[in-house]
Amino acid sequence: MSQSPPAYRLIDEVKIRREAFGGILYKYGCADRGALSFINSRQLIDLLLSAQQTYSGDLGAAVEHSNFSAASKQKLYAALDDLARRGYVLVNS
């Protein structure tokens, strides 16, 4: 029996700022206040903004409704796993 893929959700406290190099993620109002991450991928920043603005933070929906190739989607999911380890994304199996 196959497992359903994990559900990725951007935490509500994450603020995203687009920059020429990609963007900046900032956790606002969290216990680890001041957490800041530089993201060197415009594609990932676009995905995060799309999820936040269009899909109520549902990153899986943003990925699946995108026009990315299967290989690009796999890379995006790997990046989301990294953001989960850094505390910006929640993952529910």
N, C-alpha and C. Protein backbone atom coordinates (compact mmCIF):
# COMPACT_ATOMS: atom_id res chain seq x y z
N MET A 1 0.84 -1.18 0.00
CA MET A 1 0.00 0.00 0.00
C MET A 1 0.89 1.25 0.00
N SER A 2 0.64 2.18 -0.89
CA SER A 2 1.48 3.37 -0.99
C SER A 2 1.01 4.44 -0.01
N GLN A 3 1.97 5.19 0.49
CA GLN A 3 1.66 6.28 1.40
C GLN A 3 1.32 7.52 0.60
N SER A 4 0.47 8.36 1.19
CA SER A 4 0.21 9.64 0.54
C SER A 4 1.40 10.55 0.82
N PRO A 5 1.69 11.46 -0.10
CA PRO A 5 2.84 12.35 0.11
C PRO A 5 2.60 13.26 1.32
N PRO A 6 3.67 13.71 1.94
CA PRO A 6 3.49 14.60 3.09
C PRO A 6 2.86 15.93 2.67
N ALA A 7 2.16 16.55 3.61
CA ALA A 7 1.54 17.85 3.35
C ALA A 7 2.47 18.94 3.89
N TYR A 8 2.83 19.86 3.03
CA TYR A 8 3.72 20.95 3.39
C TYR A 8 2.90 22.22 3.58
N ARG A 9 3.13 22.91 4.70
CA ARG A 9 2.41 24.15 4.97
C ARG A 9 3.38 25.19 5.51
N LEU A 10 3.35 26.37 4.91
CA LEU A 10 4.16 27.48 5.36
C LEU A 10 3.58 27.97 6.69
N ILE A 11 4.43 28.17 7.70
CA ILE A 11 3.88 28.65 8.97
C ILE A 11 3.40 30.10 8.79
N ASP A 12 2.36 30.45 9.53
CA ASP A 12 1.73 31.76 9.37
C ASP A 12 2.67 32.92 9.68
N GLU A 13 3.63 32.72 10.57
CA GLU A 13 4.50 33.80 11.01
C GLU A 13 5.63 34.14 10.03
N VAL A 14 5.72 33.41 8.93
CA VAL A 14 6.80 33.65 7.97
C VAL A 14 6.45 34.84 7.08
N LYS A 15 7.38 35.76 7.02
CA LYS A 15 7.29 36.89 6.10
C LYS A 15 8.30 36.65 4.99
N ILE A 16 7.91 36.99 3.77
CA ILE A 16 8.76 36.74 2.60
C ILE A 16 9.02 38.08 1.90
N ARG A 17 10.28 38.31 1.63
CA ARG A 17 10.64 39.53 0.89
C ARG A 17 11.42 39.13 -0.34
N ARG A 18 10.90 39.53 -1.48
CA ARG A 18 11.56 39.25 -2.76
C ARG A 18 12.77 40.18 -2.91
N GLU A 19 13.87 39.61 -3.39
CA GLU A 19 15.10 40.37 -3.64
C GLU A 19 15.63 39.96 -5.01
N ALA A 20 16.60 40.69 -5.51
CA ALA A 20 17.18 40.39 -6.83
C ALA A 20 17.81 39.01 -6.86
N PHE A 21 18.39 38.55 -5.77
CA PHE A 21 19.05 37.24 -5.72
C PHE A 21 18.08 36.10 -5.44
N GLY A 22 16.87 36.40 -5.07
CA GLY A 22 15.87 35.41 -4.67
C GLY A 22 14.95 36.02 -3.65
N GLY A 23 15.31 35.88 -2.37
CA GLY A 23 14.49 36.50 -1.35
C GLY A 23 14.97 36.20 0.05
N ILE A 24 14.25 36.76 1.02
CA ILE A 24 14.55 36.60 2.43
C ILE A 24 13.31 36.08 3.14
N LEU A 25 13.52 35.10 4.00
CA LEU A 25 12.45 34.60 4.87
C LEU A 25 12.74 35.06 6.28
N TYR A 26 11.70 35.50 6.97
CA TYR A 26 11.84 35.98 8.33
C TYR A 26 10.69 35.44 9.16
N LYS A 27 11.01 34.86 10.31
CA LYS A 27 9.97 34.38 11.22
C LYS A 27 9.61 35.51 12.18
N TYR A 28 8.43 36.04 12.03
CA TYR A 28 7.98 37.16 12.82
C TYR A 28 7.16 36.68 14.01
N GLY A 29 7.53 37.11 15.20
CA GLY A 29 6.74 36.80 16.38
C GLY A 29 6.93 35.40 16.91
N CYS A 30 7.97 34.71 16.50
CA CYS A 30 8.23 33.34 16.96
C CYS A 30 9.17 33.38 18.15
N ALA A 31 9.25 32.28 18.87
CA ALA A 31 10.15 32.18 20.02
C ALA A 31 11.59 32.41 19.59
N ASP A 32 11.93 31.98 18.39
CA ASP A 32 13.29 32.19 17.89
C ASP A 32 13.33 33.45 17.02
N ARG A 33 12.67 34.48 17.53
CA ARG A 33 12.55 35.75 16.83
C ARG A 33 13.91 36.20 16.29
N GLY A 34 13.88 36.70 15.12
CA GLY A 34 15.10 37.14 14.49
C GLY A 34 15.66 36.12 13.52
N ALA A 35 15.00 34.96 13.41
CA ALA A 35 15.47 33.95 12.46
C ALA A 35 15.28 34.51 11.05
N LEU A 36 16.37 34.50 10.30
CA LEU A 36 16.38 35.09 8.98
C LEU A 36 17.11 34.12 8.05
N SER A 37 16.54 33.89 6.87
CA SER A 37 17.19 33.01 5.90
C SER A 37 17.20 33.67 4.54
N PHE A 38 18.34 33.59 3.89
CA PHE A 38 18.48 34.09 2.53
C PHE A 38 18.25 32.92 1.58
N ILE A 39 17.37 33.11 0.61
CA ILE A 39 17.04 32.07 -0.35
C ILE A 39 17.54 32.53 -1.72
N ASN A 40 18.43 31.75 -2.30
CA ASN A 40 19.04 32.11 -3.58
C ASN A 40 18.32 31.51 -4.77
N SER A 41 17.00 31.40 -4.67
CA SER A 41 16.22 30.82 -5.76
C SER A 41 14.94 31.64 -5.95
N ARG A 42 14.86 32.32 -7.07
CA ARG A 42 13.64 33.07 -7.37
C ARG A 42 12.45 32.13 -7.52
N GLN A 43 12.71 30.96 -8.09
CA GLN A 43 11.65 29.97 -8.28
C GLN A 43 11.05 29.56 -6.94
N LEU A 44 11.88 29.32 -5.94
CA LEU A 44 11.38 28.94 -4.62
C LEU A 44 10.64 30.09 -3.96
N ILE A 45 11.16 31.30 -4.07
CA ILE A 45 10.47 32.46 -3.50
C ILE A 45 9.11 32.64 -4.17
N ASP A 46 9.05 32.52 -5.49
CA ASP A 46 7.77 32.62 -6.20
C ASP A 46 6.78 31.57 -5.69
N LEU A 47 7.27 30.36 -5.49
CA LEU A 47 6.41 29.29 -4.98
C LEU A 47 5.90 29.62 -3.59
N LEU A 48 6.79 30.08 -2.71
CA LEU A 48 6.38 30.41 -1.34
C LEU A 48 5.35 31.54 -1.33
N LEU A 49 5.58 32.56 -2.14
CA LEU A 49 4.62 33.67 -2.22
C LEU A 49 3.28 33.21 -2.78
N SER A 50 3.33 32.37 -3.79
CA SER A 50 2.09 31.83 -4.37
C SER A 50 1.32 31.04 -3.34
N ALA A 51 2.01 30.20 -2.59
CA ALA A 51 1.35 29.41 -1.55
C ALA A 51 0.73 30.31 -0.50
N GLN A 52 1.45 31.33 -0.10
CA GLN A 52 0.98 32.24 0.93
C GLN A 52 -0.22 33.06 0.45
N GLN A 53 -0.17 33.56 -0.78
CA GLN A 53 -1.20 34.47 -1.27
C GLN A 53 -2.40 33.78 -1.90
N THR A 54 -2.19 32.62 -2.50
CA THR A 54 -3.26 31.96 -3.26
C THR A 54 -3.79 30.71 -2.59
N TYR A 55 -2.93 29.98 -1.88
CA TYR A 55 -3.31 28.66 -1.35
C TYR A 55 -3.30 28.61 0.18
N SER A 56 -3.42 29.75 0.85
CA SER A 56 -3.47 29.81 2.31
C SER A 56 -2.32 29.06 2.97
N GLY A 57 -1.14 29.14 2.37
CA GLY A 57 0.04 28.52 2.93
C GLY A 57 0.26 27.07 2.54
N ASP A 58 -0.64 26.48 1.75
CA ASP A 58 -0.52 25.08 1.34
C ASP A 58 0.51 24.97 0.21
N LEU A 59 1.72 24.58 0.58
CA LEU A 59 2.81 24.50 -0.39
C LEU A 59 2.64 23.36 -1.38
N GLY A 60 2.06 22.25 -0.94
CA GLY A 60 1.81 21.13 -1.84
C GLY A 60 0.88 21.53 -2.97
N ALA A 61 -0.16 22.29 -2.65
CA ALA A 61 -1.10 22.77 -3.68
C ALA A 61 -0.39 23.71 -4.64
N ALA A 62 0.46 24.57 -4.11
CA ALA A 62 1.19 25.51 -4.97
C ALA A 62 2.10 24.76 -5.94
N VAL A 63 2.78 23.72 -5.44
CA VAL A 63 3.66 22.93 -6.31
C VAL A 63 2.85 22.21 -7.37
N GLU A 64 1.79 21.54 -6.96
CA GLU A 64 1.01 20.73 -7.89
C GLU A 64 0.26 21.56 -8.93
N HIS A 65 -0.08 22.80 -8.62
CA HIS A 65 -0.78 23.66 -9.57
C HIS A 65 0.20 24.49 -10.41
N SER A 66 1.48 24.26 -10.25
CA SER A 66 2.49 24.99 -11.01
C SER A 66 2.77 24.27 -12.33
N ASN A 67 3.50 24.93 -13.19
CA ASN A 67 3.88 24.36 -14.48
C ASN A 67 5.29 23.79 -14.48
N PHE A 68 5.81 23.45 -13.30
CA PHE A 68 7.16 22.93 -13.20
C PHE A 68 7.22 21.49 -13.70
N SER A 69 8.37 21.11 -14.23
CA SER A 69 8.58 19.73 -14.66
C SER A 69 8.63 18.83 -13.42
N ALA A 70 8.53 17.53 -13.64
CA ALA A 70 8.59 16.58 -12.53
C ALA A 70 9.93 16.70 -11.79
N ALA A 71 11.01 16.88 -12.54
CA ALA A 71 12.33 17.02 -11.92
C ALA A 71 12.41 18.29 -11.08
N SER A 72 11.84 19.38 -11.58
CA SER A 72 11.83 20.64 -10.83
C SER A 72 10.99 20.51 -9.57
N LYS A 73 9.87 19.81 -9.68
CA LYS A 73 9.02 19.61 -8.50
C LYS A 73 9.76 18.82 -7.42
N GLN A 74 10.53 17.82 -7.83
CA GLN A 74 11.31 17.04 -6.85
C GLN A 74 12.32 17.94 -6.14
N LYS A 75 12.97 18.83 -6.89
CA LYS A 75 13.92 19.76 -6.30
C LYS A 75 13.22 20.72 -5.34
N LEU A 76 12.02 21.16 -5.72
CA LEU A 76 11.27 22.05 -4.84
C LEU A 76 10.88 21.34 -3.54
N TYR A 77 10.46 20.08 -3.64
CA TYR A 77 10.13 19.33 -2.42
C TYR A 77 11.36 19.14 -1.54
N ALA A 78 12.52 18.94 -2.14
CA ALA A 78 13.76 18.84 -1.35
C ALA A 78 14.05 20.17 -0.65
N ALA A 79 13.82 21.28 -1.33
CA ALA A 79 14.01 22.60 -0.72
C ALA A 79 13.01 22.81 0.41
N LEU A 80 11.77 22.33 0.24
CA LEU A 80 10.76 22.45 1.29
C LEU A 80 11.16 21.63 2.51
N ASP A 81 11.75 20.46 2.29
CA ASP A 81 12.25 19.65 3.41
C ASP A 81 13.31 20.43 4.19
N ASP A 82 14.18 21.13 3.47
CA ASP A 82 15.21 21.94 4.13
C ASP A 82 14.57 23.07 4.93
N LEU A 83 13.56 23.73 4.35
CA LEU A 83 12.88 24.80 5.07
C LEU A 83 12.13 24.26 6.29
N ALA A 84 11.66 23.03 6.22
CA ALA A 84 11.01 22.41 7.38
C ALA A 84 12.03 22.21 8.49
N ARG A 85 13.23 21.76 8.14
CA ARG A 85 14.28 21.58 9.14
C ARG A 85 14.66 22.91 9.79
N ARG A 86 14.52 23.99 9.06
CA ARG A 86 14.85 25.32 9.59
C ARG A 86 13.67 25.98 10.30
N GLY A 87 12.50 25.33 10.28
CA GLY A 87 11.36 25.83 11.03
C GLY A 87 10.42 26.78 10.30
N TYR A 88 10.52 26.88 8.99
CA TYR A 88 9.65 27.75 8.23
C TYR A 88 8.42 27.04 7.66
N VAL A 89 8.51 25.71 7.59
CA VAL A 89 7.47 24.89 6.96
C VAL A 89 7.11 23.76 7.91
N LEU A 90 5.82 23.46 7.98
CA LEU A 90 5.33 22.30 8.74
C LEU A 90 5.10 21.17 7.76
N VAL A 91 5.43 19.95 8.17
CA VAL A 91 5.23 18.78 7.32
C VAL A 91 4.38 17.79 8.10
N ASN A 92 3.25 17.41 7.52
CA ASN A 92 2.37 16.39 8.11
C ASN A 92 2.33 15.18 7.20
N SER A 93 2.63 14.02 7.74
CA SER A 93 2.61 12.80 6.92
C SER A 93 1.22 12.21 6.88
